[in-house]
Amino acid sequence: MAKEFSRSSRVSEQIHRELSELIRLELKDPRLSAKISLVTLTDVEVTPDYAHAKVFYTSLAGEEHRQDIERGLAHSASFLRRELGKRIRIHHIPELHFIYDASVERGTRLSHLIEEAVKSDEALKGSE
């Protein structure tokens, strides 16, 4: 069982690397062209049978561009899968499912709230 986990994690990591490069260098979708440099893949999870891969991504393009990016990635999934097949030697190239990862956004928001709380505490201590 441990061997399967390590193979699965290696395949996920390889898909992550190859997709990052493909998205950055090969994707020509007009919905993504100006925003593609702001898309970052955060993780890839492959099902045990390698039939599907959840590809988690985040973007600094802003909330107003999120739907365009989501549609562009979904539309490009078959192209990306075909290109993965040329680069990765596994029996079956998984179907790609792109999922927005809000954890980076939440982390940034929490960091900002913590900074505000610290400044507020310092201001209160300074006024005493």
N, C-alpha and C. Protein backbone atom coordinates (compact mmCIF):
# COMPACT_ATOMS: atom_id res chain seq x y z
N MET A 1 0.82 -1.20 0.00
CA MET A 1 0.00 0.00 0.00
C MET A 1 0.87 1.26 0.00
N ALA A 2 1.95 1.26 0.76
CA ALA A 2 2.82 2.43 0.81
C ALA A 2 3.45 2.69 -0.56
N LYS A 3 3.74 1.61 -1.31
CA LYS A 3 4.31 1.76 -2.64
C LYS A 3 3.33 2.49 -3.57
N GLU A 4 2.04 2.14 -3.49
CA GLU A 4 1.02 2.79 -4.30
C GLU A 4 0.93 4.28 -3.97
N PHE A 5 1.00 4.60 -2.67
CA PHE A 5 0.94 6.01 -2.27
C PHE A 5 2.11 6.77 -2.87
N SER A 6 3.29 6.20 -2.82
CA SER A 6 4.45 6.93 -3.32
C SER A 6 4.36 7.08 -4.84
N ARG A 7 3.88 6.07 -5.55
CA ARG A 7 3.72 6.19 -6.99
C ARG A 7 2.66 7.24 -7.31
N SER A 8 1.55 7.21 -6.58
CA SER A 8 0.49 8.18 -6.78
C SER A 8 0.99 9.61 -6.54
N SER A 9 1.76 9.79 -5.50
CA SER A 9 2.27 11.14 -5.21
C SER A 9 3.29 11.57 -6.26
N ARG A 10 4.08 10.63 -6.78
CA ARG A 10 5.03 10.97 -7.85
C ARG A 10 4.29 11.36 -9.12
N VAL A 11 3.23 10.63 -9.45
CA VAL A 11 2.44 10.95 -10.64
C VAL A 11 1.78 12.32 -10.47
N SER A 12 1.21 12.57 -9.30
CA SER A 12 0.59 13.88 -9.02
C SER A 12 1.60 15.00 -9.17
N GLU A 13 2.79 14.78 -8.64
CA GLU A 13 3.84 15.81 -8.71
C GLU A 13 4.28 16.04 -10.15
N GLN A 14 4.40 14.98 -10.92
CA GLN A 14 4.81 15.12 -12.31
C GLN A 14 3.72 15.85 -13.12
N ILE A 15 2.47 15.50 -12.88
CA ILE A 15 1.36 16.19 -13.55
C ILE A 15 1.37 17.67 -13.18
N HIS A 16 1.60 17.96 -11.90
CA HIS A 16 1.66 19.34 -11.42
C HIS A 16 2.74 20.12 -12.19
N ARG A 17 3.94 19.55 -12.25
CA ARG A 17 5.06 20.22 -12.94
C ARG A 17 4.75 20.45 -14.42
N GLU A 18 4.30 19.38 -15.10
CA GLU A 18 4.06 19.48 -16.54
C GLU A 18 2.91 20.44 -16.86
N LEU A 19 1.83 20.38 -16.08
CA LEU A 19 0.70 21.29 -16.31
C LEU A 19 1.10 22.74 -16.09
N SER A 20 1.90 22.98 -15.05
CA SER A 20 2.35 24.36 -14.79
C SER A 20 3.08 24.91 -16.00
N GLU A 21 3.96 24.09 -16.56
CA GLU A 21 4.72 24.52 -17.72
C GLU A 21 3.82 24.67 -18.95
N LEU A 22 2.93 23.72 -19.17
CA LEU A 22 2.02 23.80 -20.31
C LEU A 22 1.13 25.04 -20.24
N ILE A 23 0.60 25.31 -19.07
CA ILE A 23 -0.28 26.47 -18.92
C ILE A 23 0.49 27.76 -19.17
N ARG A 24 1.69 27.81 -18.66
CA ARG A 24 2.52 29.02 -18.80
C ARG A 24 2.99 29.23 -20.24
N LEU A 25 3.37 28.15 -20.92
CA LEU A 25 4.02 28.31 -22.23
C LEU A 25 3.16 27.97 -23.44
N GLU A 26 2.20 27.08 -23.31
CA GLU A 26 1.49 26.57 -24.47
C GLU A 26 0.05 27.02 -24.60
N LEU A 27 -0.55 27.49 -23.53
CA LEU A 27 -1.98 27.80 -23.57
C LEU A 27 -2.23 29.11 -24.30
N LYS A 28 -3.11 29.05 -25.29
CA LYS A 28 -3.40 30.23 -26.12
C LYS A 28 -4.86 30.66 -26.03
N ASP A 29 -5.57 30.23 -25.01
CA ASP A 29 -6.99 30.56 -24.86
C ASP A 29 -7.14 32.07 -24.63
N PRO A 30 -7.98 32.76 -25.42
CA PRO A 30 -8.14 34.21 -25.27
C PRO A 30 -8.70 34.62 -23.90
N ARG A 31 -9.46 33.73 -23.26
CA ARG A 31 -9.99 34.04 -21.93
C ARG A 31 -8.86 34.11 -20.89
N LEU A 32 -7.75 33.46 -21.20
CA LEU A 32 -6.66 33.37 -20.24
C LEU A 32 -5.44 34.19 -20.61
N SER A 33 -5.34 34.62 -21.85
CA SER A 33 -4.10 35.19 -22.36
C SER A 33 -3.50 36.27 -21.46
N ALA A 34 -4.26 37.24 -21.04
CA ALA A 34 -3.71 38.32 -20.22
C ALA A 34 -3.58 37.92 -18.75
N LYS A 35 -4.32 36.91 -18.32
CA LYS A 35 -4.37 36.56 -16.91
C LYS A 35 -3.56 35.31 -16.57
N ILE A 36 -3.05 34.61 -17.60
CA ILE A 36 -2.42 33.32 -17.37
C ILE A 36 -1.18 33.41 -16.49
N SER A 37 -0.46 34.52 -16.56
CA SER A 37 0.73 34.65 -15.72
C SER A 37 0.35 34.79 -14.25
N LEU A 38 -0.92 35.07 -13.98
CA LEU A 38 -1.37 35.22 -12.60
C LEU A 38 -2.01 33.95 -12.04
N VAL A 39 -2.00 32.86 -12.82
CA VAL A 39 -2.55 31.58 -12.39
C VAL A 39 -1.42 30.71 -11.86
N THR A 40 -1.63 30.14 -10.68
CA THR A 40 -0.66 29.25 -10.06
C THR A 40 -1.35 27.97 -9.65
N LEU A 41 -0.77 26.83 -10.03
CA LEU A 41 -1.30 25.55 -9.59
C LEU A 41 -0.78 25.30 -8.18
N THR A 42 -1.69 24.96 -7.27
CA THR A 42 -1.29 24.74 -5.88
C THR A 42 -1.17 23.27 -5.52
N ASP A 43 -1.93 22.39 -6.20
CA ASP A 43 -1.88 20.98 -5.88
C ASP A 43 -2.56 20.18 -6.98
N VAL A 44 -2.21 18.90 -7.05
CA VAL A 44 -2.88 17.97 -7.95
C VAL A 44 -3.15 16.71 -7.14
N GLU A 45 -4.40 16.25 -7.17
CA GLU A 45 -4.78 15.00 -6.51
C GLU A 45 -5.29 14.05 -7.57
N VAL A 46 -4.67 12.87 -7.64
CA VAL A 46 -5.06 11.86 -8.63
C VAL A 46 -5.83 10.76 -7.92
N THR A 47 -6.92 10.29 -8.54
CA THR A 47 -7.68 9.18 -7.96
C THR A 47 -6.83 7.91 -8.02
N PRO A 48 -7.10 6.94 -7.16
CA PRO A 48 -6.30 5.70 -7.12
C PRO A 48 -6.22 4.97 -8.47
N ASP A 49 -7.26 5.08 -9.30
CA ASP A 49 -7.23 4.40 -10.60
C ASP A 49 -6.66 5.30 -11.71
N TYR A 50 -6.21 6.48 -11.35
CA TYR A 50 -5.61 7.45 -12.29
C TYR A 50 -6.58 7.90 -13.38
N ALA A 51 -7.87 7.76 -13.15
CA ALA A 51 -8.86 8.17 -14.15
C ALA A 51 -9.14 9.67 -14.10
N HIS A 52 -9.01 10.27 -12.92
CA HIS A 52 -9.32 11.69 -12.75
C HIS A 52 -8.24 12.37 -11.91
N ALA A 53 -8.04 13.64 -12.22
CA ALA A 53 -7.10 14.45 -11.44
C ALA A 53 -7.77 15.78 -11.10
N LYS A 54 -7.80 16.09 -9.81
CA LYS A 54 -8.27 17.41 -9.38
C LYS A 54 -7.05 18.32 -9.41
N VAL A 55 -7.14 19.38 -10.18
CA VAL A 55 -6.04 20.33 -10.30
C VAL A 55 -6.46 21.61 -9.60
N PHE A 56 -5.86 21.89 -8.47
CA PHE A 56 -6.20 23.07 -7.68
C PHE A 56 -5.34 24.24 -8.14
N TYR A 57 -5.99 25.38 -8.33
CA TYR A 57 -5.26 26.57 -8.78
C TYR A 57 -5.73 27.78 -8.00
N THR A 58 -4.90 28.79 -8.03
CA THR A 58 -5.26 30.09 -7.46
C THR A 58 -4.85 31.15 -8.47
N SER A 59 -5.36 32.35 -8.28
CA SER A 59 -5.05 33.42 -9.21
C SER A 59 -5.00 34.76 -8.49
N LEU A 60 -4.07 35.58 -8.91
CA LEU A 60 -3.97 36.93 -8.37
C LEU A 60 -4.65 37.94 -9.29
N ALA A 61 -5.37 37.45 -10.30
CA ALA A 61 -6.03 38.33 -11.27
C ALA A 61 -7.22 39.06 -10.67
N GLY A 62 -7.71 38.60 -9.54
CA GLY A 62 -8.86 39.25 -8.91
C GLY A 62 -10.14 38.48 -9.14
N GLU A 63 -11.07 38.70 -8.24
CA GLU A 63 -12.35 38.00 -8.26
C GLU A 63 -13.12 38.24 -9.56
N GLU A 64 -12.97 39.42 -10.15
CA GLU A 64 -13.72 39.75 -11.36
C GLU A 64 -13.29 38.90 -12.57
N HIS A 65 -12.09 38.30 -12.52
CA HIS A 65 -11.60 37.48 -13.62
C HIS A 65 -11.70 35.98 -13.34
N ARG A 66 -12.16 35.63 -12.15
CA ARG A 66 -12.17 34.23 -11.73
C ARG A 66 -13.00 33.34 -12.67
N GLN A 67 -14.19 33.78 -13.07
CA GLN A 67 -15.03 32.97 -13.96
C GLN A 67 -14.41 32.79 -15.33
N ASP A 68 -13.78 33.85 -15.86
CA ASP A 68 -13.10 33.72 -17.16
C ASP A 68 -11.98 32.69 -17.09
N ILE A 69 -11.21 32.75 -16.02
CA ILE A 69 -10.11 31.80 -15.85
C ILE A 69 -10.64 30.38 -15.70
N GLU A 70 -11.69 30.24 -14.90
CA GLU A 70 -12.30 28.93 -14.69
C GLU A 70 -12.81 28.33 -16.01
N ARG A 71 -13.51 29.14 -16.79
CA ARG A 71 -14.02 28.68 -18.08
C ARG A 71 -12.88 28.36 -19.04
N GLY A 72 -11.87 29.21 -19.06
CA GLY A 72 -10.72 28.99 -19.95
C GLY A 72 -9.98 27.71 -19.62
N LEU A 73 -9.77 27.44 -18.33
CA LEU A 73 -9.09 26.21 -17.94
C LEU A 73 -9.94 24.98 -18.27
N ALA A 74 -11.24 25.07 -18.00
CA ALA A 74 -12.13 23.94 -18.31
C ALA A 74 -12.16 23.68 -19.82
N HIS A 75 -12.20 24.74 -20.61
CA HIS A 75 -12.20 24.61 -22.06
C HIS A 75 -10.89 24.03 -22.58
N SER A 76 -9.79 24.32 -21.91
CA SER A 76 -8.46 23.87 -22.33
C SER A 76 -8.09 22.50 -21.78
N ALA A 77 -8.95 21.91 -20.95
CA ALA A 77 -8.62 20.65 -20.28
C ALA A 77 -8.26 19.54 -21.26
N SER A 78 -9.00 19.40 -22.35
CA SER A 78 -8.71 18.31 -23.30
C SER A 78 -7.37 18.54 -23.99
N PHE A 79 -7.07 19.78 -24.37
CA PHE A 79 -5.77 20.11 -24.96
C PHE A 79 -4.65 19.79 -23.97
N LEU A 80 -4.82 20.22 -22.73
CA LEU A 80 -3.79 19.99 -21.71
C LEU A 80 -3.60 18.50 -21.45
N ARG A 81 -4.69 17.76 -21.44
CA ARG A 81 -4.62 16.31 -21.22
C ARG A 81 -3.86 15.64 -22.37
N ARG A 82 -4.16 16.05 -23.59
CA ARG A 82 -3.47 15.49 -24.76
C ARG A 82 -1.97 15.79 -24.70
N GLU A 83 -1.63 17.02 -24.34
CA GLU A 83 -0.22 17.39 -24.23
C GLU A 83 0.47 16.64 -23.09
N LEU A 84 -0.25 16.42 -22.00
CA LEU A 84 0.31 15.62 -20.89
C LEU A 84 0.64 14.23 -21.38
N GLY A 85 -0.22 13.67 -22.23
CA GLY A 85 0.00 12.33 -22.77
C GLY A 85 1.30 12.23 -23.56
N LYS A 86 1.74 13.34 -24.15
CA LYS A 86 3.00 13.35 -24.89
C LYS A 86 4.21 13.45 -23.96
N ARG A 87 3.99 13.95 -22.74
CA ARG A 87 5.10 14.21 -21.83
C ARG A 87 5.24 13.18 -20.71
N ILE A 88 4.13 12.56 -20.33
CA ILE A 88 4.13 11.65 -19.18
C ILE A 88 3.88 10.24 -19.66
N ARG A 89 4.66 9.32 -19.18
CA ARG A 89 4.51 7.92 -19.58
C ARG A 89 3.78 7.14 -18.49
N ILE A 90 2.45 7.22 -18.52
CA ILE A 90 1.63 6.37 -17.66
C ILE A 90 0.55 5.75 -18.55
N HIS A 91 -0.01 4.68 -18.07
CA HIS A 91 -0.95 3.90 -18.87
C HIS A 91 -2.17 4.72 -19.30
N HIS A 92 -2.70 5.52 -18.39
CA HIS A 92 -3.92 6.29 -18.67
C HIS A 92 -3.72 7.71 -18.15
N ILE A 93 -3.86 8.69 -19.02
CA ILE A 93 -3.76 10.09 -18.61
C ILE A 93 -5.10 10.48 -18.00
N PRO A 94 -5.09 10.98 -16.76
CA PRO A 94 -6.36 11.29 -16.09
C PRO A 94 -7.11 12.45 -16.73
N GLU A 95 -8.41 12.41 -16.57
CA GLU A 95 -9.27 13.53 -16.97
C GLU A 95 -9.01 14.66 -15.97
N LEU A 96 -8.86 15.88 -16.46
CA LEU A 96 -8.49 17.01 -15.61
C LEU A 96 -9.72 17.79 -15.16
N HIS A 97 -9.77 18.06 -13.86
CA HIS A 97 -10.85 18.86 -13.28
C HIS A 97 -10.20 20.01 -12.52
N PHE A 98 -10.41 21.24 -13.00
CA PHE A 98 -9.79 22.40 -12.36
C PHE A 98 -10.70 22.94 -11.26
N ILE A 99 -10.11 23.15 -10.09
CA ILE A 99 -10.85 23.60 -8.91
C ILE A 99 -10.12 24.81 -8.32
N TYR A 100 -10.87 25.88 -8.12
CA TYR A 100 -10.27 27.08 -7.53
C TYR A 100 -9.91 26.82 -6.08
N ASP A 101 -8.70 27.19 -5.70
CA ASP A 101 -8.19 27.01 -4.34
C ASP A 101 -8.17 28.38 -3.65
N ALA A 102 -9.10 28.58 -2.74
CA ALA A 102 -9.23 29.87 -2.06
C ALA A 102 -8.33 29.98 -0.83
N SER A 103 -7.55 28.95 -0.52
CA SER A 103 -6.74 28.96 0.71
C SER A 103 -5.71 30.09 0.72
N VAL A 104 -5.11 30.40 -0.42
CA VAL A 104 -4.12 31.48 -0.48
C VAL A 104 -4.80 32.80 -0.18
N GLU A 105 -5.96 32.99 -0.79
CA GLU A 105 -6.75 34.20 -0.58
C GLU A 105 -7.14 34.34 0.90
N ARG A 106 -7.61 33.23 1.50
CA ARG A 106 -7.98 33.25 2.93
C ARG A 106 -6.77 33.55 3.80
N GLY A 107 -5.63 32.96 3.47
CA GLY A 107 -4.41 33.20 4.23
C GLY A 107 -3.99 34.66 4.19
N THR A 108 -4.08 35.26 3.02
CA THR A 108 -3.74 36.68 2.88
C THR A 108 -4.69 37.55 3.70
N ARG A 109 -5.98 37.21 3.64
CA ARG A 109 -6.97 37.97 4.39
C ARG A 109 -6.72 37.84 5.90
N LEU A 110 -6.41 36.63 6.36
CA LEU A 110 -6.14 36.43 7.79
C LEU A 110 -4.88 37.17 8.23
N SER A 111 -3.85 37.15 7.40
CA SER A 111 -2.62 37.89 7.73
C SER A 111 -2.91 39.37 7.86
N HIS A 112 -3.74 39.89 6.96
CA HIS A 112 -4.11 41.30 7.01
C HIS A 112 -4.88 41.62 8.29
N LEU A 113 -5.81 40.74 8.67
CA LEU A 113 -6.57 40.94 9.91
C LEU A 113 -5.66 40.91 11.14
N ILE A 114 -4.70 40.00 11.14
CA ILE A 114 -3.76 39.92 12.27
C ILE A 114 -2.92 41.19 12.36
N GLU A 115 -2.45 41.68 11.22
CA GLU A 115 -1.67 42.93 11.21
C GLU A 115 -2.50 44.09 11.76
N GLU A 116 -3.77 44.17 11.36
CA GLU A 116 -4.64 45.23 11.86
C GLU A 116 -4.85 45.12 13.36
N ALA A 117 -5.02 43.89 13.86
CA ALA A 117 -5.21 43.68 15.30
C ALA A 117 -3.97 44.09 16.08
N VAL A 118 -2.80 43.75 15.58
CA VAL A 118 -1.55 44.11 16.24
C VAL A 118 -1.39 45.63 16.27
N LYS A 119 -1.66 46.29 15.14
CA LYS A 119 -1.58 47.75 15.11
C LYS A 119 -2.56 48.40 16.07
N SER A 120 -3.76 47.84 16.13
CA SER A 120 -4.78 48.34 17.04
C SER A 120 -4.35 48.20 18.50
N ASP A 121 -3.78 47.04 18.84
CA ASP A 121 -3.27 46.83 20.20
C ASP A 121 -2.14 47.79 20.54
N GLU A 122 -1.23 48.01 19.58
CA GLU A 122 -0.12 48.93 19.81
C GLU A 122 -0.62 50.36 19.99
N ALA A 123 -1.65 50.75 19.23
CA ALA A 123 -2.22 52.07 19.36
C ALA A 123 -2.89 52.25 20.72
N LEU A 124 -3.57 51.22 21.21
CA LEU A 124 -4.20 51.28 22.53
C LEU A 124 -3.17 51.36 23.63
N LYS A 125 -2.09 50.63 23.52
CA LYS A 125 -1.03 50.65 24.54
C LYS A 125 -0.31 52.00 24.53
N GLY A 126 -0.17 52.59 23.35
CA GLY A 126 0.48 53.87 23.24
C GLY A 126 -0.33 55.02 23.80
N SER A 127 -1.65 54.87 23.84
CA SER A 127 -2.51 55.96 24.32
C SER A 127 -2.73 55.90 25.82
N GLU A 128 -2.24 54.84 26.46
CA GLU A 128 -2.42 54.73 27.92
C GLU A 128 -1.44 55.55 28.69
